[in-house]
Structures are given as structure tokens and as C-alpha cells.
Amino acid sequence: MGLQSYLILAATVFCIGLFGVVTRRNTVGILLGIELMLNAVNINLIAFSRFAGDTVGMVFSVFTICITVSEAAIGLAIVILLFRVRRTVMADHLDLLKG
């Protein structure tokens, strides 16, 4: 596979994630869309790293994976807390921060 194939794959995964973020009303679905978008970034980092012959992209990808895991854990903890307080995880019904 050439670089173009990896870039097309990453663009497709990113578009699927963006579509999920824009169209979902469920908070868990929005988090999954963000995860897909971050995975598309990882695909780009690995592809450019492989074709440039440098390991810097792979190191950045490992850091991005660590950030993604922590974001998922914190996001799901917030969703569980909101469900306990409001009994819903729909993003339209969450106006907890409004004054």
C-alpha cells in the first residue's frame, strides 16, 4: 500500500467520526466519534512516519494514544456522573452548566 491509500483511509475514518459527532445526540456516541477522529490522526502520523523513514511520528502516535485513553476514561466518568444526576445521557438535555 502506498501513502495515498493510508491517507484515503485516514480521511474516511475522520469523516465517519465527524459525521458521528455532528449527528449523534447521545453523549457516548459523540465520544466514540471523537475517538474515531483521533484514530484517523494516528493513522496519518504512522503513515507519514513510515514513508519518511523517521520514528518521530510513531512516538507522537504513542503520546496521542495515551491522551486518547485518558480522554475516554474521563469522558465516560463524566457521562456516568451525569447519568446519575440527570438520568439521561442525551446531549440536548444536559444544561447543567447553565446559570
PDB file of N, CA and C in Angstrom:
ATOM      1  N   MET A   1       0.834  -1.193   0.000  1.00  0.00           N
ATOM      2  CA  MET A   1       0.000   0.000   0.000  1.00  0.00           C
ATOM      3  C   MET A   1       0.868   1.243   0.000  1.00  0.00           C
ATOM      4  N   GLY A   2       0.468   2.195  -0.799  1.00  0.00           N
ATOM      5  CA  GLY A   2       1.198   3.441  -0.850  1.00  0.00           C
ATOM      6  C   GLY A   2       0.688   4.432   0.171  1.00  0.00           C
ATOM      7  N   LEU A   3       1.335   5.584   0.205  1.00  0.00           N
ATOM      8  CA  LEU A   3       0.958   6.631   1.150  1.00  0.00           C
ATOM      9  C   LEU A   3      -0.453   7.136   0.874  1.00  0.00           C
ATOM     10  N   GLN A   4      -0.810   7.199  -0.396  1.00  0.00           N
ATOM     11  CA  GLN A   4      -2.133   7.697  -0.761  1.00  0.00           C
ATOM     12  C   GLN A   4      -3.242   6.817  -0.188  1.00  0.00           C
ATOM     13  N   SER A   5      -3.036   5.520  -0.151  1.00  0.00           N
ATOM     14  CA  SER A   5      -4.044   4.604   0.404  1.00  0.00           C
ATOM     15  C   SER A   5      -4.254   4.856   1.889  1.00  0.00           C
ATOM     16  N   TYR A   6      -3.155   5.079   2.621  1.00  0.00           N
ATOM     17  CA  TYR A   6      -3.275   5.364   4.044  1.00  0.00           C
ATOM     18  C   TYR A   6      -3.982   6.697   4.288  1.00  0.00           C
ATOM     19  N   LEU A   7      -3.678   7.688   3.452  1.00  0.00           N
ATOM     20  CA  LEU A   7      -4.316   8.987   3.621  1.00  0.00           C
ATOM     21  C   LEU A   7      -5.807   8.933   3.307  1.00  0.00           C
ATOM     22  N   ILE A   8      -6.185   8.139   2.303  1.00  0.00           N
ATOM     23  CA  ILE A   8      -7.604   7.970   1.991  1.00  0.00           C
ATOM     24  C   ILE A   8      -8.310   7.252   3.133  1.00  0.00           C
ATOM     25  N   LEU A   9      -7.671   6.222   3.683  1.00  0.00           N
ATOM     26  CA  LEU A   9      -8.245   5.517   4.832  1.00  0.00           C
ATOM     27  C   LEU A   9      -8.429   6.456   6.015  1.00  0.00           C
ATOM     28  N   ALA A  10      -7.410   7.260   6.314  1.00  0.00           N
ATOM     29  CA  ALA A  10      -7.491   8.187   7.444  1.00  0.00           C
ATOM     30  C   ALA A  10      -8.573   9.237   7.208  1.00  0.00           C
ATOM     31  N   ALA A  11      -8.688   9.739   5.989  1.00  0.00           N
ATOM     32  CA  ALA A  11      -9.719  10.728   5.683  1.00  0.00           C
ATOM     33  C   ALA A  11     -11.113  10.123   5.822  1.00  0.00           C
ATOM     34  N   THR A  12     -11.263   8.871   5.403  1.00  0.00           N
ATOM     35  CA  THR A  12     -12.557   8.198   5.530  1.00  0.00           C
ATOM     36  C   THR A  12     -12.928   7.999   6.997  1.00  0.00           C
ATOM     37  N   VAL A  13     -11.981   7.524   7.794  1.00  0.00           N
ATOM     38  CA  VAL A  13     -12.246   7.319   9.230  1.00  0.00           C
ATOM     39  C   VAL A  13     -12.545   8.649   9.911  1.00  0.00           C
ATOM     40  N   PHE A  14     -11.816   9.704   9.535  1.00  0.00           N
ATOM     41  CA  PHE A  14     -12.064  11.020  10.120  1.00  0.00           C
ATOM     42  C   PHE A  14     -13.455  11.527   9.761  1.00  0.00           C
ATOM     43  N   CYS A  15     -13.862  11.345   8.515  1.00  0.00           N
ATOM     44  CA  CYS A  15     -15.199  11.792   8.093  1.00  0.00           C
ATOM     45  C   CYS A  15     -16.299  11.011   8.797  1.00  0.00           C
ATOM     46  N   ILE A  16     -16.095   9.717   9.000  1.00  0.00           N
ATOM     47  CA  ILE A  16     -17.073   8.923   9.742  1.00  0.00           C
ATOM     48  C   ILE A  16     -17.177   9.420  11.183  1.00  0.00           C
ATOM     49  N   GLY A  17     -16.044   9.714  11.802  1.00  0.00           N
ATOM     50  CA  GLY A  17     -16.051  10.251  13.162  1.00  0.00           C
ATOM     51  C   GLY A  17     -16.702  11.617  13.237  1.00  0.00           C
ATOM     52  N   LEU A  18     -16.421  12.479  12.267  1.00  0.00           N
ATOM     53  CA  LEU A  18     -17.027  13.803  12.237  1.00  0.00           C
ATOM     54  C   LEU A  18     -18.532  13.707  12.038  1.00  0.00           C
ATOM     55  N   PHE A  19     -18.960  12.803  11.184  1.00  0.00           N
ATOM     56  CA  PHE A  19     -20.393  12.585  10.985  1.00  0.00           C
ATOM     57  C   PHE A  19     -21.045  12.107  12.282  1.00  0.00           C
ATOM     58  N   GLY A  20     -20.363  11.228  13.014  1.00  0.00           N
ATOM     59  CA  GLY A  20     -20.888  10.750  14.285  1.00  0.00           C
ATOM     60  C   GLY A  20     -20.993  11.845  15.327  1.00  0.00           C
ATOM     61  N   VAL A  21     -20.024  12.744  15.358  1.00  0.00           N
ATOM     62  CA  VAL A  21     -20.058  13.849  16.334  1.00  0.00           C
ATOM     63  C   VAL A  21     -21.175  14.824  16.003  1.00  0.00           C
ATOM     64  N   VAL A  22     -21.353  15.115  14.720  1.00  0.00           N
ATOM     65  CA  VAL A  22     -22.333  16.118  14.318  1.00  0.00           C
ATOM     66  C   VAL A  22     -23.768  15.597  14.441  1.00  0.00           C
ATOM     67  N   THR A  23     -23.995  14.325  14.127  1.00  0.00           N
ATOM     68  CA  THR A  23     -25.366  13.826  14.052  1.00  0.00           C
ATOM     69  C   THR A  23     -25.862  13.158  15.325  1.00  0.00           C
ATOM     70  N   ARG A  24     -24.986  12.717  16.197  1.00  0.00           N
ATOM     71  CA  ARG A  24     -25.429  11.996  17.400  1.00  0.00           C
ATOM     72  C   ARG A  24     -25.923  12.955  18.466  1.00  0.00           C
ATOM     73  N   ARG A  25     -26.946  12.523  19.171  1.00  0.00           N
ATOM     74  CA  ARG A  25     -27.424  13.255  20.333  1.00  0.00           C
ATOM     75  C   ARG A  25     -27.003  12.564  21.615  1.00  0.00           C
ATOM     76  N   ASN A  26     -26.602  11.311  21.521  1.00  0.00           N
ATOM     77  CA  ASN A  26     -26.166  10.544  22.678  1.00  0.00           C
ATOM     78  C   ASN A  26     -24.711  10.906  22.986  1.00  0.00           C
ATOM     79  N   THR A  27     -24.429  11.162  24.250  1.00  0.00           N
ATOM     80  CA  THR A  27     -23.083  11.595  24.640  1.00  0.00           C
ATOM     81  C   THR A  27     -22.045  10.511  24.381  1.00  0.00           C
ATOM     82  N   VAL A  28     -22.399   9.259  24.590  1.00  0.00           N
ATOM     83  CA  VAL A  28     -21.456   8.166  24.338  1.00  0.00           C
ATOM     84  C   VAL A  28     -21.140   8.084  22.842  1.00  0.00           C
ATOM     85  N   GLY A  29     -22.129   8.289  21.991  1.00  0.00           N
ATOM     86  CA  GLY A  29     -21.895   8.300  20.549  1.00  0.00           C
ATOM     87  C   GLY A  29     -20.987   9.432  20.126  1.00  0.00           C
ATOM     88  N   ILE A  30     -21.126  10.582  20.762  1.00  0.00           N
ATOM     89  CA  ILE A  30     -20.244  11.714  20.467  1.00  0.00           C
ATOM     90  C   ILE A  30     -18.811  11.379  20.863  1.00  0.00           C
ATOM     91  N   LEU A  31     -18.639  10.747  22.020  1.00  0.00           N
ATOM     92  CA  LEU A  31     -17.297  10.344  22.450  1.00  0.00           C
ATOM     93  C   LEU A  31     -16.688   9.325  21.485  1.00  0.00           C
ATOM     94  N   LEU A  32     -17.498   8.401  20.990  1.00  0.00           N
ATOM     95  CA  LEU A  32     -16.984   7.425  20.019  1.00  0.00           C
ATOM     96  C   LEU A  32     -16.574   8.107  18.721  1.00  0.00           C
ATOM     97  N   GLY A  33     -17.310   9.121  18.290  1.00  0.00           N
ATOM     98  CA  GLY A  33     -16.930   9.869  17.096  1.00  0.00           C
ATOM     99  C   GLY A  33     -15.605  10.597  17.285  1.00  0.00           C
ATOM    100  N   ILE A  34     -15.395  11.163  18.464  1.00  0.00           N
ATOM    101  CA  ILE A  34     -14.120  11.833  18.751  1.00  0.00           C
ATOM    102  C   ILE A  34     -12.979  10.821  18.748  1.00  0.00           C
ATOM    103  N   GLU A  35     -13.234   9.632  19.275  1.00  0.00           N
ATOM    104  CA  GLU A  35     -12.209   8.581  19.272  1.00  0.00           C
ATOM    105  C   GLU A  35     -11.836   8.190  17.842  1.00  0.00           C
ATOM    106  N   LEU A  36     -12.837   8.085  16.973  1.00  0.00           N
ATOM    107  CA  LEU A  36     -12.547   7.767  15.572  1.00  0.00           C
ATOM    108  C   LEU A  36     -11.710   8.856  14.913  1.00  0.00           C
ATOM    109  N   MET A  37     -12.015  10.098  15.218  1.00  0.00           N
ATOM    110  CA  MET A  37     -11.237  11.198  14.647  1.00  0.00           C
ATOM    111  C   MET A  37      -9.784  11.161  15.124  1.00  0.00           C
ATOM    112  N   LEU A  38      -9.586  10.855  16.390  1.00  0.00           N
ATOM    113  CA  LEU A  38      -8.215  10.757  16.902  1.00  0.00           C
ATOM    114  C   LEU A  38      -7.478   9.548  16.321  1.00  0.00           C
ATOM    115  N   ASN A  39      -8.196   8.457  16.050  1.00  0.00           N
ATOM    116  CA  ASN A  39      -7.565   7.311  15.405  1.00  0.00           C
ATOM    117  C   ASN A  39      -7.157   7.631  13.970  1.00  0.00           C
ATOM    118  N   ALA A  40      -7.917   8.471  13.299  1.00  0.00           N
ATOM    119  CA  ALA A  40      -7.526   8.903  11.958  1.00  0.00           C
ATOM    120  C   ALA A  40      -6.232   9.714  12.009  1.00  0.00           C
ATOM    121  N   VAL A  41      -6.093  10.528  13.024  1.00  0.00           N
ATOM    122  CA  VAL A  41      -4.839  11.281  13.196  1.00  0.00           C
ATOM    123  C   VAL A  41      -3.674  10.314  13.427  1.00  0.00           C
ATOM    124  N   ASN A  42      -3.906   9.276  14.221  1.00  0.00           N
ATOM    125  CA  ASN A  42      -2.856   8.276  14.451  1.00  0.00           C
ATOM    126  C   ASN A  42      -2.461   7.567  13.164  1.00  0.00           C
ATOM    127  N   ILE A  43      -3.428   7.260  12.315  1.00  0.00           N
ATOM    128  CA  ILE A  43      -3.120   6.625  11.035  1.00  0.00           C
ATOM    129  C   ILE A  43      -2.234   7.545  10.195  1.00  0.00           C
ATOM    130  N   ASN A  44      -2.550   8.831  10.179  1.00  0.00           N
ATOM    131  CA  ASN A  44      -1.722   9.785   9.442  1.00  0.00           C
ATOM    132  C   ASN A  44      -0.308   9.863  10.003  1.00  0.00           C
ATOM    133  N   LEU A  45      -0.194   9.920  11.325  1.00  0.00           N
ATOM    134  CA  LEU A  45       1.136  10.001  11.938  1.00  0.00           C
ATOM    135  C   LEU A  45       1.984   8.772  11.609  1.00  0.00           C
ATOM    136  N   ILE A  46       1.393   7.597  11.703  1.00  0.00           N
ATOM    137  CA  ILE A  46       2.122   6.369  11.417  1.00  0.00           C
ATOM    138  C   ILE A  46       2.483   6.284   9.936  1.00  0.00           C
ATOM    139  N   ALA A  47       1.560   6.670   9.059  1.00  0.00           N
ATOM    140  CA  ALA A  47       1.830   6.599   7.618  1.00  0.00           C
ATOM    141  C   ALA A  47       2.969   7.532   7.226  1.00  0.00           C
ATOM    142  N   PHE A  48       2.925   8.784   7.691  1.00  0.00           N
ATOM    143  CA  PHE A  48       3.995   9.716   7.358  1.00  0.00           C
ATOM    144  C   PHE A  48       5.311   9.291   7.983  1.00  0.00           C
ATOM    145  N   SER A  49       5.259   8.728   9.168  1.00  0.00           N
ATOM    146  CA  SER A  49       6.473   8.246   9.822  1.00  0.00           C
ATOM    147  C   SER A  49       7.092   7.097   9.051  1.00  0.00           C
ATOM    148  N   ARG A  50       6.250   6.190   8.573  1.00  0.00           N
ATOM    149  CA  ARG A  50       6.758   5.034   7.834  1.00  0.00           C
ATOM    150  C   ARG A  50       7.371   5.446   6.504  1.00  0.00           C
ATOM    151  N   PHE A  51       6.708   6.336   5.793  1.00  0.00           N
ATOM    152  CA  PHE A  51       7.199   6.707   4.475  1.00  0.00           C
ATOM    153  C   PHE A  51       8.331   7.733   4.528  1.00  0.00           C
ATOM    154  N   ALA A  52       8.490   8.430   5.632  1.00  0.00           N
ATOM    155  CA  ALA A  52       9.620   9.340   5.789  1.00  0.00           C
ATOM    156  C   ALA A  52      10.835   8.635   6.360  1.00  0.00           C
ATOM    157  N   GLY A  53      10.628   7.437   6.914  1.00  0.00           N
ATOM    158  CA  GLY A  53      11.743   6.695   7.493  1.00  0.00           C
ATOM    159  C   GLY A  53      12.177   7.238   8.839  1.00  0.00           C
ATOM    160  N   ASP A  54      11.302   7.939   9.516  1.00  0.00           N
ATOM    161  CA  ASP A  54      11.625   8.553  10.796  1.00  0.00           C
ATOM    162  C   ASP A  54      10.688   7.974  11.864  1.00  0.00           C
ATOM    163  N   THR A  55      11.164   7.937  13.094  1.00  0.00           N
ATOM    164  CA  THR A  55      10.351   7.362  14.170  1.00  0.00           C
ATOM    165  C   THR A  55       9.621   8.418  15.001  1.00  0.00           C
ATOM    166  N   VAL A  56       9.770   9.687  14.644  1.00  0.00           N
ATOM    167  CA  VAL A  56       9.136  10.750  15.427  1.00  0.00           C
ATOM    168  C   VAL A  56       7.617  10.638  15.357  1.00  0.00           C
ATOM    169  N   GLY A  57       7.078  10.311  14.198  1.00  0.00           N
ATOM    170  CA  GLY A  57       5.632  10.155  14.067  1.00  0.00           C
ATOM    171  C   GLY A  57       5.096   9.033  14.927  1.00  0.00           C
ATOM    172  N   MET A  58       5.864   7.959  15.054  1.00  0.00           N
ATOM    173  CA  MET A  58       5.429   6.839  15.895  1.00  0.00           C
ATOM    174  C   MET A  58       5.446   7.225  17.373  1.00  0.00           C
ATOM    175  N   VAL A  59       6.421   8.016  17.769  1.00  0.00           N
ATOM    176  CA  VAL A  59       6.471   8.488  19.156  1.00  0.00           C
ATOM    177  C   VAL A  59       5.286   9.406  19.444  1.00  0.00           C
ATOM    178  N   PHE A  60       4.986  10.320  18.514  1.00  0.00           N
ATOM    179  CA  PHE A  60       3.809  11.177  18.671  1.00  0.00           C
ATOM    180  C   PHE A  60       2.535  10.351  18.715  1.00  0.00           C
ATOM    181  N   SER A  61       2.489   9.294  17.937  1.00  0.00           N
ATOM    182  CA  SER A  61       1.314   8.426  17.925  1.00  0.00           C
ATOM    183  C   SER A  61       1.117   7.749  19.278  1.00  0.00           C
ATOM    184  N   VAL A  62       2.193   7.319  19.923  1.00  0.00           N
ATOM    185  CA  VAL A  62       2.085   6.707  21.253  1.00  0.00           C
ATOM    186  C   VAL A  62       1.553   7.732  22.258  1.00  0.00           C
ATOM    187  N   PHE A  63       2.046   8.974  22.188  1.00  0.00           N
ATOM    188  CA  PHE A  63       1.529  10.021  23.072  1.00  0.00           C
ATOM    189  C   PHE A  63       0.057  10.297  22.792  1.00  0.00           C
ATOM    190  N   THR A  64      -0.316  10.301  21.518  1.00  0.00           N
ATOM    191  CA  THR A  64      -1.712  10.533  21.156  1.00  0.00           C
ATOM    192  C   THR A  64      -2.604   9.410  21.670  1.00  0.00           C
ATOM    193  N   ILE A  65      -2.130   8.181  21.613  1.00  0.00           N
ATOM    194  CA  ILE A  65      -2.898   7.051  22.141  1.00  0.00           C
ATOM    195  C   ILE A  65      -3.086   7.198  23.648  1.00  0.00           C
ATOM    196  N   CYS A  66      -2.048   7.623  24.344  1.00  0.00           N
ATOM    197  CA  CYS A  66      -2.178   7.838  25.796  1.00  0.00           C
ATOM    198  C   CYS A  66      -3.194   8.932  26.106  1.00  0.00           C
ATOM    199  N   ILE A  67      -3.171  10.008  25.340  1.00  0.00           N
ATOM    200  CA  ILE A  67      -4.129  11.085  25.547  1.00  0.00           C
ATOM    201  C   ILE A  67      -5.539  10.607  25.226  1.00  0.00           C
ATOM    202  N   THR A  68      -5.683   9.789  24.179  1.00  0.00           N
ATOM    203  CA  THR A  68      -6.989   9.270  23.798  1.00  0.00           C
ATOM    204  C   THR A  68      -7.572   8.378  24.890  1.00  0.00           C
ATOM    205  N   VAL A  69      -6.738   7.539  25.470  1.00  0.00           N
ATOM    206  CA  VAL A  69      -7.213   6.651  26.539  1.00  0.00           C
ATOM    207  C   VAL A  69      -7.646   7.453  27.757  1.00  0.00           C
ATOM    208  N   SER A  70      -6.870   8.452  28.121  1.00  0.00           N
ATOM    209  CA  SER A  70      -7.250   9.265  29.274  1.00  0.00           C
ATOM    210  C   SER A  70      -8.506  10.081  28.985  1.00  0.00           C
ATOM    211  N   GLU A  71      -8.642  10.564  27.754  1.00  0.00           N
ATOM    212  CA  GLU A  71      -9.850  11.306  27.375  1.00  0.00           C
ATOM    213  C   GLU A  71     -11.078  10.415  27.435  1.00  0.00           C
ATOM    214  N   ALA A  72     -10.948   9.187  26.998  1.00  0.00           N
ATOM    215  CA  ALA A  72     -12.081   8.250  27.045  1.00  0.00           C
ATOM    216  C   ALA A  72     -12.464   7.931  28.484  1.00  0.00           C
ATOM    217  N   ALA A  73     -11.475   7.723  29.330  1.00  0.00           N
ATOM    218  CA  ALA A  73     -11.769   7.404  30.734  1.00  0.00           C
ATOM    219  C   ALA A  73     -12.449   8.576  31.431  1.00  0.00           C
ATOM    220  N   ILE A  74     -11.933   9.777  31.244  1.00  0.00           N
ATOM    221  CA  ILE A  74     -12.529  10.950  31.880  1.00  0.00           C
ATOM    222  C   ILE A  74     -13.906  11.240  31.290  1.00  0.00           C
ATOM    223  N   GLY A  75     -14.038  11.105  29.978  1.00  0.00           N
ATOM    224  CA  GLY A  75     -15.333  11.346  29.332  1.00  0.00           C
ATOM    225  C   GLY A  75     -16.395  10.376  29.800  1.00  0.00           C
ATOM    226  N   LEU A  76     -16.053   9.111  29.885  1.00  0.00           N
ATOM    227  CA  LEU A  76     -17.033   8.132  30.357  1.00  0.00           C
ATOM    228  C   LEU A  76     -17.364   8.328  31.835  1.00  0.00           C
ATOM    229  N   ALA A  77     -16.389   8.756  32.622  1.00  0.00           N
ATOM    230  CA  ALA A  77     -16.675   9.052  34.034  1.00  0.00           C
ATOM    231  C   ALA A  77     -17.647  10.223  34.149  1.00  0.00           C
ATOM    232  N   ILE A  78     -17.479  11.234  33.313  1.00  0.00           N
ATOM    233  CA  ILE A  78     -18.407  12.366  33.319  1.00  0.00           C
ATOM    234  C   ILE A  78     -19.793  11.928  32.863  1.00  0.00           C
ATOM    235  N   VAL A  79     -19.853  11.058  31.852  1.00  0.00           N
ATOM    236  CA  VAL A  79     -21.147  10.566  31.376  1.00  0.00           C
ATOM    237  C   VAL A  79     -21.855   9.776  32.469  1.00  0.00           C
ATOM    238  N   ILE A  80     -21.138   8.939  33.187  1.00  0.00           N
ATOM    239  CA  ILE A  80     -21.740   8.168  34.276  1.00  0.00           C
ATOM    240  C   ILE A  80     -22.232   9.097  35.374  1.00  0.00           C
ATOM    241  N   LEU A  81     -21.464  10.109  35.709  1.00  0.00           N
ATOM    242  CA  LEU A  81     -21.882  11.076  36.722  1.00  0.00           C
ATOM    243  C   LEU A  81     -23.130  11.843  36.280  1.00  0.00           C
ATOM    244  N   LEU A  82     -23.154  12.268  35.022  1.00  0.00           N
ATOM    245  CA  LEU A  82     -24.333  12.971  34.516  1.00  0.00           C
ATOM    246  C   LEU A  82     -25.556  12.065  34.504  1.00  0.00           C
ATOM    247  N   PHE A  83     -25.363  10.794  34.190  1.00  0.00           N
ATOM    248  CA  PHE A  83     -26.493   9.871  34.200  1.00  0.00           C
ATOM    249  C   PHE A  83     -27.030   9.685  35.613  1.00  0.00           C
ATOM    250  N   ARG A  84     -26.139   9.646  36.589  1.00  0.00           N
ATOM    251  CA  ARG A  84     -26.594   9.508  37.977  1.00  0.00           C
ATOM    252  C   ARG A  84     -27.365  10.731  38.438  1.00  0.00           C
ATOM    253  N   VAL A  85     -26.965  11.914  37.989  1.00  0.00           N
ATOM    254  CA  VAL A  85     -27.607  13.144  38.430  1.00  0.00           C
ATOM    255  C   VAL A  85     -28.880  13.422  37.632  1.00  0.00           C
ATOM    256  N   ARG A  86     -28.799  13.326  36.300  1.00  0.00           N
ATOM    257  CA  ARG A  86     -29.901  13.730  35.429  1.00  0.00           C
ATOM    258  C   ARG A  86     -30.737  12.590  34.875  1.00  0.00           C
ATOM    259  N   ARG A  87     -30.288  11.353  34.986  1.00  0.00           N
ATOM    260  CA  ARG A  87     -30.975  10.171  34.460  1.00  0.00           C
ATOM    261  C   ARG A  87     -31.111  10.198  32.937  1.00  0.00           C
ATOM    262  N   THR A  88     -30.190  10.878  32.265  1.00  0.00           N
ATOM    263  CA  THR A  88     -30.160  10.884  30.808  1.00  0.00           C
ATOM    264  C   THR A  88     -28.733  11.126  30.339  1.00  0.00           C
ATOM    265  N   VAL A  89     -28.424  10.633  29.138  1.00  0.00           N
ATOM    266  CA  VAL A  89     -27.120  10.889  28.538  1.00  0.00           C
ATOM    267  C   VAL A  89     -27.281  11.592  27.196  1.00  0.00           C
ATOM    268  N   MET A  90     -28.474  12.110  26.935  1.00  0.00           N
ATOM    269  CA  MET A  90     -28.721  12.835  25.698  1.00  0.00           C
ATOM    270  C   MET A  90     -28.106  14.231  25.815  1.00  0.00           C
ATOM    271  N   ALA A  91     -27.326  14.623  24.815  1.00  0.00           N
ATOM    272  CA  ALA A  91     -26.617  15.897  24.874  1.00  0.00           C
ATOM    273  C   ALA A  91     -27.570  17.075  24.853  1.00  0.00           C
ATOM    274  N   ASP A  92     -28.747  16.926  24.260  1.00  0.00           N
ATOM    275  CA  ASP A  92     -29.712  18.031  24.213  1.00  0.00           C
ATOM    276  C   ASP A  92     -30.298  18.353  25.573  1.00  0.00           C
ATOM    277  N   HIS A  93     -30.356  17.366  26.459  1.00  0.00           N
ATOM    278  CA  HIS A  93     -30.981  17.551  27.762  1.00  0.00           C
ATOM    279  C   HIS A  93     -29.998  17.970  28.852  1.00  0.00           C
ATOM    280  N   LEU A  94     -28.759  18.088  28.504  1.00  0.00           N
ATOM    281  CA  LEU A  94     -27.735  18.414  29.511  1.00  0.00           C
ATOM    282  C   LEU A  94     -27.475  19.913  29.516  1.00  0.00           C
ATOM    283  N   ASP A  95     -28.161  20.607  30.377  1.00  0.00           N
ATOM    284  CA  ASP A  95     -27.954  22.030  30.552  1.00  0.00           C
ATOM    285  C   ASP A  95     -27.514  22.327  31.978  1.00  0.00           C
ATOM    286  N   LEU A  96     -26.701  21.434  32.516  1.00  0.00           N
ATOM    287  CA  LEU A  96     -26.280  21.502  33.913  1.00  0.00           C
ATOM    288  C   LEU A  96     -25.444  22.753  34.196  1.00  0.00           C
ATOM    289  N   LEU A  97     -24.702  23.243  33.198  1.00  0.00           N
ATOM    290  CA  LEU A  97     -23.798  24.375  33.429  1.00  0.00           C
ATOM    291  C   LEU A  97     -24.456  25.721  33.185  1.00  0.00           C
ATOM    292  N   LYS A  98     -25.701  25.726  32.745  1.00  0.00           N
ATOM    293  CA  LYS A  98     -26.377  26.987  32.526  1.00  0.00           C
ATOM    294  C   LYS A  98     -26.726  27.631  33.863  1.00  0.00           C
ATOM    295  N   GLY A  99     -26.649  28.957  33.913  1.00  0.00           N
ATOM    296  CA  GLY A  99     -26.858  29.714  35.140  1.00  0.00           C
ATOM    297  C   GLY A  99     -28.242  29.905  35.526  1.00  0.00           C
TER     298      GLY A  99
END
